[in-house]
C-alpha atoms as a PDB file:
ATOM      1  CA  MET A   1      97.722 152.712 265.808  1.00  0.00           C
ATOM      2  CA  THR A   2      99.867 149.992 266.731  1.00  0.00           C
ATOM      3  CA  VAL A   3     103.545 149.185 265.641  1.00  0.00           C
ATOM      4  CA  PHE A   4     105.305 145.855 266.917  1.00  0.00           C
ATOM      5  CA  ALA A   5     108.872 145.686 267.428  1.00  0.00           C
ATOM      6  CA  VAL A   6     110.262 142.350 266.068  1.00  0.00           C
ATOM      7  CA  PHE A   7     113.441 140.588 267.340  1.00  0.00           C
ATOM      8  CA  ARG A   8     114.770 137.254 266.500  1.00  0.00           C
ATOM      9  CA  SER A   9     115.626 136.879 270.154  1.00  0.00           C
ATOM     10  CA  ARG A  10     113.034 136.394 273.196  1.00  0.00           C
ATOM     11  CA  ALA A  11     115.758 137.598 275.425  1.00  0.00           C
ATOM     12  CA  GLN A  12     116.454 140.921 273.481  1.00  0.00           C
ATOM     13  CA  THR A  13     112.910 141.404 273.038  1.00  0.00           C
ATOM     14  CA  LEU A  14     112.474 141.432 276.685  1.00  0.00           C
ATOM     15  CA  ASP A  15     115.356 143.688 277.404  1.00  0.00           C
ATOM     16  CA  TYR A  16     114.511 146.106 274.754  1.00  0.00           C
ATOM     17  CA  ILE A  17     110.480 146.358 276.562  1.00  0.00           C
ATOM     18  CA  ASN A  18     112.488 147.476 279.533  1.00  0.00           C
ATOM     19  CA  THR A  19     114.170 149.799 278.061  1.00  0.00           C
ATOM     20  CA  VAL A  20     111.733 151.582 276.322  1.00  0.00           C
ATOM     21  CA  LYS A  21     109.502 151.414 279.509  1.00  0.00           C
ATOM     22  CA  SER A  22     112.437 153.330 281.110  1.00  0.00           C
ATOM     23  CA  MET A  23     111.802 155.878 278.285  1.00  0.00           C
ATOM     24  CA  GLY A  24     108.070 156.466 279.323  1.00  0.00           C
ATOM     25  CA  VAL A  25     106.831 154.269 276.474  1.00  0.00           C
ATOM     26  CA  PRO A  26     104.198 152.024 277.096  1.00  0.00           C
ATOM     27  CA  ALA A  27     104.991 148.973 275.435  1.00  0.00           C
ATOM     28  CA  GLN A  28     103.944 145.148 276.050  1.00  0.00           C
ATOM     29  CA  ALA A  29     105.131 141.562 275.071  1.00  0.00           C
ATOM     30  CA  VAL A  30     103.017 140.395 272.908  1.00  0.00           C
ATOM     31  CA  SER A  31     102.877 137.482 270.437  1.00  0.00           C
ATOM     32  CA  THR A  32     104.445 137.933 267.003  1.00  0.00           C
ATOM     33  CA  PRO A  33     102.337 138.645 264.169  1.00  0.00           C
ATOM     34  CA  LYS A  34     102.320 135.942 261.269  1.00  0.00           C
ATOM     35  CA  GLU A  35     102.979 139.039 258.825  1.00  0.00           C
ATOM     36  CA  ALA A  36     106.436 139.377 260.507  1.00  0.00           C
ATOM     37  CA  GLY A  37     107.543 136.047 258.966  1.00  0.00           C
ATOM     38  CA  VAL A  38     110.590 136.227 261.270  1.00  0.00           C
ATOM     39  CA  GLY A  39     110.903 136.033 265.090  1.00  0.00           C
ATOM     40  CA  CYS A  40     111.141 134.314 268.250  1.00  0.00           C
ATOM     41  CA  GLY A  41     107.573 134.286 269.051  1.00  0.00           C
ATOM     42  CA  ILE A  42     107.214 137.335 271.282  1.00  0.00           C
ATOM     43  CA  SER A  43     107.597 141.003 270.024  1.00  0.00           C
ATOM     44  CA  ALA A  44     107.103 144.405 271.605  1.00  0.00           C
ATOM     45  CA  ARG A  45     103.565 146.658 271.261  1.00  0.00           C
ATOM     46  CA  PHE A  46     103.458 150.107 271.390  1.00  0.00           C
ATOM     47  CA  ASP A  47     101.566 152.996 269.967  1.00  0.00           C
ATOM     48  CA  ALA A  48     102.759 154.716 266.998  1.00  0.00           C
ATOM     49  CA  ARG A  49     103.211 157.953 268.584  1.00  0.00           C
ATOM     50  CA  PHE A  50     105.904 156.530 270.853  1.00  0.00           C
ATOM     51  CA  LEU A  51     107.645 155.361 267.177  1.00  0.00           C
ATOM     52  CA  GLU A  52     110.631 157.818 267.749  1.00  0.00           C
ATOM     53  CA  LYS A  53     111.644 157.229 271.316  1.00  0.00           C
ATOM     54  CA  ALA A  54     111.011 153.371 270.193  1.00  0.00           C
ATOM     55  CA  LYS A  55     113.670 154.141 267.595  1.00  0.00           C
ATOM     56  CA  ARG A  56     116.202 155.987 270.049  1.00  0.00           C
ATOM     57  CA  ALA A  57     115.907 152.975 272.181  1.00  0.00           C
ATOM     58  CA  LEU A  58     117.395 150.731 269.365  1.00  0.00           C
ATOM     59  CA  SER A  59     120.911 152.778 269.849  1.00  0.00           C
ATOM     60  CA  SER A  60     121.039 152.563 273.689  1.00  0.00           C
ATOM     61  CA  LYS A  61     122.502 148.394 273.234  1.00  0.00           C
ATOM     62  CA  PRO A  62     123.311 146.125 270.673  1.00  0.00           C
ATOM     63  CA  TYR A  63     120.366 144.725 269.520  1.00  0.00           C
ATOM     64  CA  SER A  64     121.843 142.085 266.927  1.00  0.00           C
ATOM     65  CA  SER A  65     118.492 140.545 266.947  1.00  0.00           C
ATOM     66  CA  PHE A  66     115.725 143.331 265.658  1.00  0.00           C
ATOM     67  CA  ALA A  67     114.403 142.519 262.370  1.00  0.00           C
ATOM     68  CA  GLY A  68     112.160 145.905 262.015  1.00  0.00           C
ATOM     69  CA  PHE A  69     109.037 147.652 263.152  1.00  0.00           C
ATOM     70  CA  LEU A  70     105.945 146.415 261.536  1.00  0.00           C
ATOM     71  CA  ARG A  71     102.772 148.479 261.335  1.00  0.00           C
ATOM     72  CA  ASP A  72      99.184 147.078 259.227  1.00  0.00           C
ATOM     73  CA  GLY A  73     101.032 144.053 258.200  1.00  0.00           C
ATOM     74  CA  ARG A  74     104.052 145.790 256.520  1.00  0.00           C
ATOM     75  CA  TYR A  75     107.673 146.766 257.466  1.00  0.00           C
ATOM     76  CA  LEU A  76     108.446 150.171 257.889  1.00  0.00           C
ATOM     77  CA  GLY A  77     111.078 151.885 255.927  1.00  0.00           C
ATOM     78  CA  GLY A  78     113.997 153.766 257.907  1.00  0.00           C
END
């Protein structure tokens, strides 16, 4: 299952992708899904099995433009 990390900043999206990749998460820059209703046009895409690592990556830097994780067209809680 695919998860998207949605940001309001292209620069922060690309930085986040580099961060999660350095943690062993295979992530890609992709177009933000329309269901997100927010964003800069690109999001980070990765497999749901890496969600916990992806969440930890958020605390590594001040990602102020992070909007949330999107799966199946819905934002994940918590």
